[in-house]
Amino acid sequence: MKIRSSLTVQGEPEAQLDDHAILDILDVLETRHDLVNEQWYALRAELSTLNEEQVLDNQSQKKVSDHSLLMEQELSRCQRFFHIFRQNLLHKKANRAAYPVLYTS
């Protein structure tokens, strides 16, 4: 008997994912995380430069600051997700090592 991971999305039917599919999803999410991280640091650098030049009026400065905050929140969500996801994968790996007969067909 082979055990498969399940993924439930609110309002959607349950999907069964094997390890390969989960790793593919993780790769996509890690790429997204890297892009968000790069954008956030670029935005912070741009904001710092613009603040030094003092060329932003109050409205533009608030817009850039709000965007920076949103990027920071997205980065934080991604980091929390990856921490939980990695812990689950480590737990699954430990279970496979402890109970190999359950994970073979």
PDB file of N, CA and C in Angstrom:
ATOM      1  N   MET A   1       0.851  -1.169   0.000  1.00  0.00           N
ATOM      2  CA  MET A   1       0.000   0.000   0.000  1.00  0.00           C
ATOM      3  C   MET A   1       0.897   1.232   0.000  1.00  0.00           C
ATOM      4  N   LYS A   2       0.606   2.173  -0.879  1.00  0.00           N
ATOM      5  CA  LYS A   2       1.390   3.395  -0.965  1.00  0.00           C
ATOM      6  C   LYS A   2       0.569   4.547  -0.394  1.00  0.00           C
ATOM      7  N   ILE A   3       1.169   5.302   0.516  1.00  0.00           N
ATOM      8  CA  ILE A   3       0.496   6.444   1.115  1.00  0.00           C
ATOM      9  C   ILE A   3       0.810   7.677   0.280  1.00  0.00           C
ATOM     10  N   ARG A   4      -0.218   8.454  -0.025  1.00  0.00           N
ATOM     11  CA  ARG A   4      -0.034   9.688  -0.801  1.00  0.00           C
ATOM     12  C   ARG A   4      -0.469  10.870   0.055  1.00  0.00           C
ATOM     13  N   SER A   5       0.147  11.989  -0.183  1.00  0.00           N
ATOM     14  CA  SER A   5      -0.221  13.210   0.537  1.00  0.00           C
ATOM     15  C   SER A   5      -1.486  13.793  -0.062  1.00  0.00           C
ATOM     16  N   SER A   6      -2.302  14.402   0.782  1.00  0.00           N
ATOM     17  CA  SER A   6      -3.497  15.059   0.263  1.00  0.00           C
ATOM     18  C   SER A   6      -3.365  16.561   0.454  1.00  0.00           C
ATOM     19  N   LEU A   7      -3.961  17.278  -0.473  1.00  0.00           N
ATOM     20  CA  LEU A   7      -3.948  18.734  -0.435  1.00  0.00           C
ATOM     21  C   LEU A   7      -5.389  19.191  -0.534  1.00  0.00           C
ATOM     22  N   THR A   8      -5.846  19.954   0.450  1.00  0.00           N
ATOM     23  CA  THR A   8      -7.224  20.417   0.446  1.00  0.00           C
ATOM     24  C   THR A   8      -7.247  21.929   0.321  1.00  0.00           C
ATOM     25  N   VAL A   9      -8.028  22.414  -0.617  1.00  0.00           N
ATOM     26  CA  VAL A   9      -8.238  23.843  -0.794  1.00  0.00           C
ATOM     27  C   VAL A   9      -9.703  24.097  -0.479  1.00  0.00           C
ATOM     28  N   GLN A  10      -9.956  25.100   0.334  1.00  0.00           N
ATOM     29  CA  GLN A  10     -11.327  25.389   0.748  1.00  0.00           C
ATOM     30  C   GLN A  10     -12.221  25.560  -0.476  1.00  0.00           C
ATOM     31  N   GLY A  11     -13.323  24.821  -0.493  1.00  0.00           N
ATOM     32  CA  GLY A  11     -14.275  24.918  -1.590  1.00  0.00           C
ATOM     33  C   GLY A  11     -13.929  24.060  -2.790  1.00  0.00           C
ATOM     34  N   GLU A  12     -12.839  23.321  -2.727  1.00  0.00           N
ATOM     35  CA  GLU A  12     -12.403  22.479  -3.845  1.00  0.00           C
ATOM     36  C   GLU A  12     -12.362  21.023  -3.379  1.00  0.00           C
ATOM     37  N   PRO A  13     -12.512  20.076  -4.305  1.00  0.00           N
ATOM     38  CA  PRO A  13     -12.380  18.669  -3.915  1.00  0.00           C
ATOM     39  C   PRO A  13     -10.938  18.367  -3.509  1.00  0.00           C
ATOM     40  N   GLU A  14     -10.782  17.345  -2.697  1.00  0.00           N
ATOM     41  CA  GLU A  14      -9.447  16.967  -2.229  1.00  0.00           C
ATOM     42  C   GLU A  14      -8.623  16.409  -3.388  1.00  0.00           C
ATOM     43  N   ALA A  15      -7.375  16.823  -3.456  1.00  0.00           N
ATOM     44  CA  ALA A  15      -6.469  16.348  -4.508  1.00  0.00           C
ATOM     45  C   ALA A  15      -5.407  15.457  -3.874  1.00  0.00           C
ATOM     46  N   GLN A  16      -5.072  14.390  -4.546  1.00  0.00           N
ATOM     47  CA  GLN A  16      -4.025  13.495  -4.077  1.00  0.00           C
ATOM     48  C   GLN A  16      -2.744  13.808  -4.844  1.00  0.00           C
ATOM     49  N   LEU A  17      -1.681  14.070  -4.119  1.00  0.00           N
ATOM     50  CA  LEU A  17      -0.413  14.417  -4.747  1.00  0.00           C
ATOM     51  C   LEU A  17       0.663  13.438  -4.313  1.00  0.00           C
ATOM     52  N   ASP A  18       1.443  12.975  -5.270  1.00  0.00           N
ATOM     53  CA  ASP A  18       2.574  12.139  -4.902  1.00  0.00           C
ATOM     54  C   ASP A  18       3.765  13.041  -4.584  1.00  0.00           C
ATOM     55  N   ASP A  19       4.864  12.432  -4.140  1.00  0.00           N
ATOM     56  CA  ASP A  19       6.042  13.198  -3.735  1.00  0.00           C
ATOM     57  C   ASP A  19       6.570  14.065  -4.868  1.00  0.00           C
ATOM     58  N   HIS A  20       6.572  13.539  -6.088  1.00  0.00           N
ATOM     59  CA  HIS A  20       7.097  14.286  -7.232  1.00  0.00           C
ATOM     60  C   HIS A  20       6.270  15.550  -7.478  1.00  0.00           C
ATOM     61  N   ALA A  21       4.960  15.433  -7.400  1.00  0.00           N
ATOM     62  CA  ALA A  21       4.090  16.596  -7.601  1.00  0.00           C
ATOM     63  C   ALA A  21       4.304  17.630  -6.502  1.00  0.00           C
ATOM     64  N   ILE A  22       4.459  17.168  -5.282  1.00  0.00           N
ATOM     65  CA  ILE A  22       4.699  18.085  -4.164  1.00  0.00           C
ATOM     66  C   ILE A  22       6.014  18.823  -4.360  1.00  0.00           C
ATOM     67  N   LEU A  23       7.058  18.105  -4.781  1.00  0.00           N
ATOM     68  CA  LEU A  23       8.349  18.750  -5.014  1.00  0.00           C
ATOM     69  C   LEU A  23       8.279  19.738  -6.174  1.00  0.00           C
ATOM     70  N   ASP A  24       7.502  19.417  -7.214  1.00  0.00           N
ATOM     71  CA  ASP A  24       7.310  20.362  -8.324  1.00  0.00           C
ATOM     72  C   ASP A  24       6.628  21.638  -7.835  1.00  0.00           C
ATOM     73  N   ILE A  25       5.612  21.478  -7.005  1.00  0.00           N
ATOM     74  CA  ILE A  25       4.917  22.642  -6.444  1.00  0.00           C
ATOM     75  C   ILE A  25       5.873  23.459  -5.585  1.00  0.00           C
ATOM     76  N   LEU A  26       6.675  22.773  -4.782  1.00  0.00           N
ATOM     77  CA  LEU A  26       7.640  23.462  -3.931  1.00  0.00           C
ATOM     78  C   LEU A  26       8.640  24.253  -4.767  1.00  0.00           C
ATOM     79  N   ASP A  27       9.106  23.675  -5.881  1.00  0.00           N
ATOM     80  CA  ASP A  27      10.034  24.392  -6.766  1.00  0.00           C
ATOM     81  C   ASP A  27       9.406  25.672  -7.300  1.00  0.00           C
ATOM     82  N   VAL A  28       8.153  25.590  -7.729  1.00  0.00           N
ATOM     83  CA  VAL A  28       7.459  26.775  -8.248  1.00  0.00           C
ATOM     84  C   VAL A  28       7.317  27.825  -7.147  1.00  0.00           C
ATOM     85  N   LEU A  29       6.934  27.384  -5.960  1.00  0.00           N
ATOM     86  CA  LEU A  29       6.750  28.324  -4.856  1.00  0.00           C
ATOM     87  C   LEU A  29       8.068  28.943  -4.414  1.00  0.00           C
ATOM     88  N   GLU A  30       9.146  28.159  -4.434  1.00  0.00           N
ATOM     89  CA  GLU A  30      10.450  28.713  -4.083  1.00  0.00           C
ATOM     90  C   GLU A  30      10.895  29.745  -5.105  1.00  0.00           C
ATOM     91  N   THR A  31      10.598  29.500  -6.381  1.00  0.00           N
ATOM     92  CA  THR A  31      10.916  30.483  -7.418  1.00  0.00           C
ATOM     93  C   THR A  31      10.138  31.768  -7.163  1.00  0.00           C
ATOM     94  N   ARG A  32       8.858  31.628  -6.836  1.00  0.00           N
ATOM     95  CA  ARG A  32       8.020  32.800  -6.526  1.00  0.00           C
ATOM     96  C   ARG A  32       8.588  33.546  -5.321  1.00  0.00           C
ATOM     97  N   HIS A  33       9.000  32.796  -4.315  1.00  0.00           N
ATOM     98  CA  HIS A  33       9.578  33.398  -3.118  1.00  0.00           C
ATOM     99  C   HIS A  33      10.840  34.178  -3.467  1.00  0.00           C
ATOM    100  N   ASP A  34      11.701  33.588  -4.301  1.00  0.00           N
ATOM    101  CA  ASP A  34      12.934  34.267  -4.704  1.00  0.00           C
ATOM    102  C   ASP A  34      12.635  35.556  -5.457  1.00  0.00           C
ATOM    103  N   LEU A  35      11.639  35.516  -6.346  1.00  0.00           N
ATOM    104  CA  LEU A  35      11.269  36.719  -7.101  1.00  0.00           C
ATOM    105  C   LEU A  35      10.729  37.810  -6.179  1.00  0.00           C
ATOM    106  N   VAL A  36       9.871  37.420  -5.248  1.00  0.00           N
ATOM    107  CA  VAL A  36       9.324  38.393  -4.299  1.00  0.00           C
ATOM    108  C   VAL A  36      10.453  38.980  -3.456  1.00  0.00           C
ATOM    109  N   ASN A  37      11.366  38.130  -3.028  1.00  0.00           N
ATOM    110  CA  ASN A  37      12.496  38.581  -2.227  1.00  0.00           C
ATOM    111  C   ASN A  37      13.346  39.586  -3.004  1.00  0.00           C
ATOM    112  N   GLU A  38      13.653  39.286  -4.266  1.00  0.00           N
ATOM    113  CA  GLU A  38      14.440  40.196  -5.100  1.00  0.00           C
ATOM    114  C   GLU A  38      13.708  41.515  -5.307  1.00  0.00           C
ATOM    115  N   GLN A  39      12.403  41.443  -5.581  1.00  0.00           N
ATOM    116  CA  GLN A  39      11.621  42.664  -5.791  1.00  0.00           C
ATOM    117  C   GLN A  39      11.582  43.514  -4.524  1.00  0.00           C
ATOM    118  N   TRP A  40      11.460  42.852  -3.391  1.00  0.00           N
ATOM    119  CA  TRP A  40      11.394  43.578  -2.131  1.00  0.00           C
ATOM    120  C   TRP A  40      12.697  44.321  -1.874  1.00  0.00           C
ATOM    121  N   TYR A  41      13.830  43.645  -2.050  1.00  0.00           N
ATOM    122  CA  TYR A  41      15.116  44.302  -1.829  1.00  0.00           C
ATOM    123  C   TYR A  41      15.361  45.418  -2.840  1.00  0.00           C
ATOM    124  N   ALA A  42      14.950  45.213  -4.088  1.00  0.00           N
ATOM    125  CA  ALA A  42      15.094  46.259  -5.104  1.00  0.00           C
ATOM    126  C   ALA A  42      14.239  47.472  -4.740  1.00  0.00           C
ATOM    127  N   LEU A  43      13.034  47.208  -4.275  1.00  0.00           N
ATOM    128  CA  LEU A  43      12.143  48.297  -3.885  1.00  0.00           C
ATOM    129  C   LEU A  43      12.696  49.050  -2.681  1.00  0.00           C
ATOM    130  N   ARG A  44      13.232  48.325  -1.725  1.00  0.00           N
ATOM    131  CA  ARG A  44      13.831  48.972  -0.549  1.00  0.00           C
ATOM    132  C   ARG A  44      15.007  49.852  -0.955  1.00  0.00           C
ATOM    133  N   ALA A  45      15.843  49.353  -1.864  1.00  0.00           N
ATOM    134  CA  ALA A  45      16.982  50.138  -2.338  1.00  0.00           C
ATOM    135  C   ALA A  45      16.501  51.388  -3.076  1.00  0.00           C
ATOM    136  N   GLU A  46      15.482  51.218  -3.914  1.00  0.00           N
ATOM    137  CA  GLU A  46      14.929  52.359  -4.654  1.00  0.00           C
ATOM    138  C   GLU A  46      14.332  53.386  -3.696  1.00  0.00           C
ATOM    139  N   LEU A  47      13.603  52.919  -2.713  1.00  0.00           N
ATOM    140  CA  LEU A  47      12.996  53.820  -1.734  1.00  0.00           C
ATOM    141  C   LEU A  47      14.072  54.577  -0.967  1.00  0.00           C
ATOM    142  N   SER A  48      15.114  53.872  -0.584  1.00  0.00           N
ATOM    143  CA  SER A  48      16.213  54.507   0.134  1.00  0.00           C
ATOM    144  C   SER A  48      16.866  55.594  -0.714  1.00  0.00           C
ATOM    145  N   THR A  49      17.117  55.277  -1.984  1.00  0.00           N
ATOM    146  CA  THR A  49      17.720  56.248  -2.900  1.00  0.00           C
ATOM    147  C   THR A  49      16.813  57.459  -3.081  1.00  0.00           C
ATOM    148  N   LEU A  50      15.531  57.204  -3.294  1.00  0.00           N
ATOM    149  CA  LEU A  50      14.589  58.304  -3.496  1.00  0.00           C
ATOM    150  C   LEU A  50      14.443  59.163  -2.244  1.00  0.00           C
ATOM    151  N   ASN A  51      14.471  58.532  -1.093  1.00  0.00           N
ATOM    152  CA  ASN A  51      14.383  59.302   0.145  1.00  0.00           C
ATOM    153  C   ASN A  51      15.609  60.189   0.317  1.00  0.00           C
ATOM    154  N   GLU A  52      16.768  59.661  -0.060  1.00  0.00           N
ATOM    155  CA  GLU A  52      17.991  60.454   0.028  1.00  0.00           C
ATOM    156  C   GLU A  52      17.925  61.654  -0.910  1.00  0.00           C
ATOM    157  N   GLU A  53      17.375  61.445  -2.084  1.00  0.00           N
ATOM    158  CA  GLU A  53      17.275  62.534  -3.059  1.00  0.00           C
ATOM    159  C   GLU A  53      16.133  63.487  -2.734  1.00  0.00           C
ATOM    160  N   GLN A  54      15.225  63.059  -1.881  1.00  0.00           N
ATOM    161  CA  GLN A  54      14.073  63.853  -1.455  1.00  0.00           C
ATOM    162  C   GLN A  54      13.289  64.404  -2.647  1.00  0.00           C
ATOM    163  N   VAL A  55      13.020  63.519  -3.608  1.00  0.00           N
ATOM    164  CA  VAL A  55      12.274  63.946  -4.785  1.00  0.00           C
ATOM    165  C   VAL A  55      10.815  63.499  -4.745  1.00  0.00           C
ATOM    166  N   LEU A  56      10.448  62.723  -3.754  1.00  0.00           N
ATOM    167  CA  LEU A  56       9.072  62.234  -3.683  1.00  0.00           C
ATOM    168  C   LEU A  56       8.186  63.201  -2.911  1.00  0.00           C
ATOM    169  N   ASP A  57       7.026  63.457  -3.447  1.00  0.00           N
ATOM    170  CA  ASP A  57       6.048  64.187  -2.663  1.00  0.00           C
ATOM    171  C   ASP A  57       5.393  63.197  -1.699  1.00  0.00           C
ATOM    172  N   ASN A  58       4.570  63.677  -0.807  1.00  0.00           N
ATOM    173  CA  ASN A  58       3.984  62.816   0.226  1.00  0.00           C
ATOM    174  C   ASN A  58       3.163  61.672  -0.354  1.00  0.00           C
ATOM    175  N   GLN A  59       2.371  61.938  -1.385  1.00  0.00           N
ATOM    176  CA  GLN A  59       1.519  60.903  -1.968  1.00  0.00           C
ATOM    177  C   GLN A  59       2.363  59.806  -2.620  1.00  0.00           C
ATOM    178  N   SER A  60       3.372  60.180  -3.378  1.00  0.00           N
ATOM    179  CA  SER A  60       4.235  59.189  -4.030  1.00  0.00           C
ATOM    180  C   SER A  60       5.015  58.389  -3.000  1.00  0.00           C
ATOM    181  N   GLN A  61       5.476  59.063  -1.963  1.00  0.00           N
ATOM    182  CA  GLN A  61       6.233  58.389  -0.915  1.00  0.00           C
ATOM    183  C   GLN A  61       5.348  57.361  -0.207  1.00  0.00           C
ATOM    184  N   LYS A  62       4.093  57.715   0.057  1.00  0.00           N
ATOM    185  CA  LYS A  62       3.170  56.773   0.702  1.00  0.00           C
ATOM    186  C   LYS A  62       2.905  55.578  -0.206  1.00  0.00           C
ATOM    187  N   LYS A  63       2.744  55.820  -1.498  1.00  0.00           N
ATOM    188  CA  LYS A  63       2.486  54.736  -2.446  1.00  0.00           C
ATOM    189  C   LYS A  63       3.658  53.746  -2.468  1.00  0.00           C
ATOM    190  N   VAL A  64       4.875  54.261  -2.525  1.00  0.00           N
ATOM    191  CA  VAL A  64       6.057  53.396  -2.542  1.00  0.00           C
ATOM    192  C   VAL A  64       6.187  52.665  -1.212  1.00  0.00           C
ATOM    193  N   SER A  65       5.929  53.367  -0.126  1.00  0.00           N
ATOM    194  CA  SER A  65       6.004  52.752   1.196  1.00  0.00           C
ATOM    195  C   SER A  65       4.958  51.646   1.354  1.00  0.00           C
ATOM    196  N   ASP A  66       3.735  51.896   0.879  1.00  0.00           N
ATOM    197  CA  ASP A  66       2.678  50.879   0.941  1.00  0.00           C
ATOM    198  C   ASP A  66       3.055  49.650   0.120  1.00  0.00           C
ATOM    199  N   HIS A  67       3.617  49.880  -1.058  1.00  0.00           N
ATOM    200  CA  HIS A  67       4.033  48.758  -1.907  1.00  0.00           C
ATOM    201  C   HIS A  67       5.144  47.963  -1.222  1.00  0.00           C
ATOM    202  N   SER A  68       6.065  48.654  -0.591  1.00  0.00           N
ATOM    203  CA  SER A  68       7.143  47.986   0.135  1.00  0.00           C
ATOM    204  C   SER A  68       6.580  47.130   1.267  1.00  0.00           C
ATOM    205  N   LEU A  69       5.595  47.657   1.977  1.00  0.00           N
ATOM    206  CA  LEU A  69       4.969  46.904   3.066  1.00  0.00           C
ATOM    207  C   LEU A  69       4.276  45.652   2.539  1.00  0.00           C
ATOM    208  N   LEU A  70       3.565  45.775   1.414  1.00  0.00           N
ATOM    209  CA  LEU A  70       2.909  44.608   0.817  1.00  0.00           C
ATOM    210  C   LEU A  70       3.928  43.547   0.413  1.00  0.00           C
ATOM    211  N   MET A  71       5.044  43.974  -0.166  1.00  0.00           N
ATOM    212  CA  MET A  71       6.085  43.024  -0.568  1.00  0.00           C
ATOM    213  C   MET A  71       6.683  42.344   0.663  1.00  0.00           C
ATOM    214  N   GLU A  72       6.875  43.104   1.725  1.00  0.00           N
ATOM    215  CA  GLU A  72       7.419  42.544   2.955  1.00  0.00           C
ATOM    216  C   GLU A  72       6.455  41.514   3.549  1.00  0.00           C
ATOM    217  N   GLN A  73       5.162  41.805   3.507  1.00  0.00           N
ATOM    218  CA  GLN A  73       4.165  40.856   4.009  1.00  0.00           C
ATOM    219  C   GLN A  73       4.139  39.590   3.157  1.00  0.00           C
ATOM    220  N   GLU A  74       4.234  39.735   1.837  1.00  0.00           N
ATOM    221  CA  GLU A  74       4.266  38.578   0.938  1.00  0.00           C
ATOM    222  C   GLU A  74       5.498  37.720   1.227  1.00  0.00           C
ATOM    223  N   LEU A  75       6.632  38.366   1.426  1.00  0.00           N
ATOM    224  CA  LEU A  75       7.861  37.649   1.747  1.00  0.00           C
ATOM    225  C   LEU A  75       7.710  36.885   3.061  1.00  0.00           C
ATOM    226  N   SER A  76       7.113  37.520   4.049  1.00  0.00           N
ATOM    227  CA  SER A  76       6.901  36.874   5.340  1.00  0.00           C
ATOM    228  C   SER A  76       5.978  35.662   5.212  1.00  0.00           C
ATOM    229  N   ARG A  77       4.895  35.796   4.429  1.00  0.00           N
ATOM    230  CA  ARG A  77       3.987  34.659   4.211  1.00  0.00           C
ATOM    231  C   ARG A  77       4.719  33.507   3.527  1.00  0.00           C
ATOM    232  N   CYS A  78       5.530  33.824   2.535  1.00  0.00           N
ATOM    233  CA  CYS A  78       6.285  32.782   1.829  1.00  0.00           C
ATOM    234  C   CYS A  78       7.242  32.076   2.781  1.00  0.00           C
ATOM    235  N   GLN A  79       7.932  32.844   3.616  1.00  0.00           N
ATOM    236  CA  GLN A  79       8.877  32.247   4.556  1.00  0.00           C
ATOM    237  C   GLN A  79       8.169  31.332   5.544  1.00  0.00           C
ATOM    238  N   ARG A  80       7.013  31.767   6.059  1.00  0.00           N
ATOM    239  CA  ARG A  80       6.244  30.908   6.978  1.00  0.00           C
ATOM    240  C   ARG A  80       5.785  29.633   6.281  1.00  0.00           C
ATOM    241  N   PHE A  81       5.290  29.772   5.040  1.00  0.00           N
ATOM    242  CA  PHE A  81       4.828  28.611   4.296  1.00  0.00           C
ATOM    243  C   PHE A  81       5.960  27.609   4.098  1.00  0.00           C
ATOM    244  N   PHE A  82       7.140  28.089   3.656  1.00  0.00           N
ATOM    245  CA  PHE A  82       8.248  27.178   3.402  1.00  0.00           C
ATOM    246  C   PHE A  82       8.730  26.507   4.677  1.00  0.00           C
ATOM    247  N   HIS A  83       8.697  27.226   5.788  1.00  0.00           N
ATOM    248  CA  HIS A  83       9.091  26.618   7.052  1.00  0.00           C
ATOM    249  C   HIS A  83       8.151  25.459   7.392  1.00  0.00           C
ATOM    250  N   ILE A  84       6.852  25.688   7.290  1.00  0.00           N
ATOM    251  CA  ILE A  84       5.867  24.640   7.583  1.00  0.00           C
ATOM    252  C   ILE A  84       5.984  23.496   6.585  1.00  0.00           C
ATOM    253  N   PHE A  85       6.120  23.829   5.301  1.00  0.00           N
ATOM    254  CA  PHE A  85       6.204  22.805   4.262  1.00  0.00           C
ATOM    255  C   PHE A  85       7.441  21.928   4.450  1.00  0.00           C
ATOM    256  N   ARG A  86       8.577  22.543   4.753  1.00  0.00           N
ATOM    257  CA  ARG A  86       9.807  21.765   4.975  1.00  0.00           C
ATOM    258  C   ARG A  86       9.676  20.870   6.197  1.00  0.00           C
ATOM    259  N   GLN A  87       9.042  21.390   7.265  1.00  0.00           N
ATOM    260  CA  GLN A  87       8.832  20.571   8.455  1.00  0.00           C
ATOM    261  C   GLN A  87       7.967  19.355   8.127  1.00  0.00           C
ATOM    262  N   ASN A  88       6.933  19.554   7.311  1.00  0.00           N
ATOM    263  CA  ASN A  88       6.076  18.437   6.907  1.00  0.00           C
ATOM    264  C   ASN A  88       6.844  17.418   6.080  1.00  0.00           C
ATOM    265  N   LEU A  89       7.689  17.899   5.164  1.00  0.00           N
ATOM    266  CA  LEU A  89       8.489  16.970   4.357  1.00  0.00           C
ATOM    267  C   LEU A  89       9.476  16.193   5.220  1.00  0.00           C
ATOM    268  N   LEU A  90      10.092  16.869   6.191  1.00  0.00           N
ATOM    269  CA  LEU A  90      11.013  16.182   7.100  1.00  0.00           C
ATOM    270  C   LEU A  90      10.273  15.139   7.929  1.00  0.00           C
ATOM    271  N   HIS A  91       9.076  15.488   8.380  1.00  0.00           N
ATOM    272  CA  HIS A  91       8.258  14.544   9.147  1.00  0.00           C
ATOM    273  C   HIS A  91       7.899  13.332   8.283  1.00  0.00           C
ATOM    274  N   LYS A  92       7.523  13.588   7.040  1.00  0.00           N
ATOM    275  CA  LYS A  92       7.180  12.501   6.125  1.00  0.00           C
ATOM    276  C   LYS A  92       8.397  11.610   5.865  1.00  0.00           C
ATOM    277  N   LYS A  93       9.569  12.227   5.695  1.00  0.00           N
ATOM    278  CA  LYS A  93      10.796  11.459   5.470  1.00  0.00           C
ATOM    279  C   LYS A  93      11.105  10.577   6.684  1.00  0.00           C
ATOM    280  N   ALA A  94      10.918  11.138   7.876  1.00  0.00           N
ATOM    281  CA  ALA A  94      11.150  10.362   9.097  1.00  0.00           C
ATOM    282  C   ALA A  94      10.171   9.192   9.187  1.00  0.00           C
ATOM    283  N   ASN A  95       8.914   9.424   8.815  1.00  0.00           N
ATOM    284  CA  ASN A  95       7.922   8.345   8.822  1.00  0.00           C
ATOM    285  C   ASN A  95       8.294   7.255   7.826  1.00  0.00           C
ATOM    286  N   ARG A  96       8.777   7.657   6.653  1.00  0.00           N
ATOM    287  CA  ARG A  96       9.184   6.663   5.653  1.00  0.00           C
ATOM    288  C   ARG A  96      10.335   5.807   6.171  1.00  0.00           C
ATOM    289  N   ALA A  97      11.259   6.444   6.879  1.00  0.00           N
ATOM    290  CA  ALA A  97      12.390   5.696   7.426  1.00  0.00           C
ATOM    291  C   ALA A  97      11.922   4.745   8.529  1.00  0.00           C
ATOM    292  N   ALA A  98      10.961   5.200   9.331  1.00  0.00           N
ATOM    293  CA  ALA A  98      10.484   4.387  10.450  1.00  0.00           C
ATOM    294  C   ALA A  98       9.531   3.276  10.008  1.00  0.00           C
ATOM    295  N   TYR A  99       8.735   3.542   8.962  1.00  0.00           N
ATOM    296  CA  TYR A  99       7.725   2.582   8.510  1.00  0.00           C
ATOM    297  C   TYR A  99       7.808   2.376   6.996  1.00  0.00           C
ATOM    298  N   PRO A 100       8.905   1.823   6.495  1.00  0.00           N
ATOM    299  CA  PRO A 100       9.075   1.706   5.039  1.00  0.00           C
ATOM    300  C   PRO A 100       8.028   0.817   4.367  1.00  0.00           C
ATOM    301  N   VAL A 101       7.472  -0.149   5.074  1.00  0.00           N
ATOM    302  CA  VAL A 101       6.509  -1.063   4.469  1.00  0.00           C
ATOM    303  C   VAL A 101       5.225  -0.333   4.060  1.00  0.00           C
ATOM    304  N   LEU A 102       4.881   0.743   4.737  1.00  0.00           N
ATOM    305  CA  LEU A 102       3.673   1.505   4.407  1.00  0.00           C
ATOM    306  C   LEU A 102       3.821   2.320   3.127  1.00  0.00           C
ATOM    307  N   TYR A 103       5.051   2.574   2.711  1.00  0.00           N
ATOM    308  CA  TYR A 103       5.292   3.455   1.568  1.00  0.00           C
ATOM    309  C   TYR A 103       5.715   2.702   0.311  1.00  0.00           C
ATOM    310  N   THR A 104       5.554   1.415   0.307  1.00  0.00           N
ATOM    311  CA  THR A 104       5.869   0.632  -0.891  1.00  0.00           C
ATOM    312  C   THR A 104       4.585   0.048  -1.443  1.00  0.00           C
ATOM    313  N   SER A 105       4.585  -0.192  -2.744  1.00  0.00           N
ATOM    314  CA  SER A 105       3.357  -0.727  -3.354  1.00  0.00           C
ATOM    315  C   SER A 105       3.289  -2.223  -3.250  1.00  0.00           C
TER     316      SER A 105
END
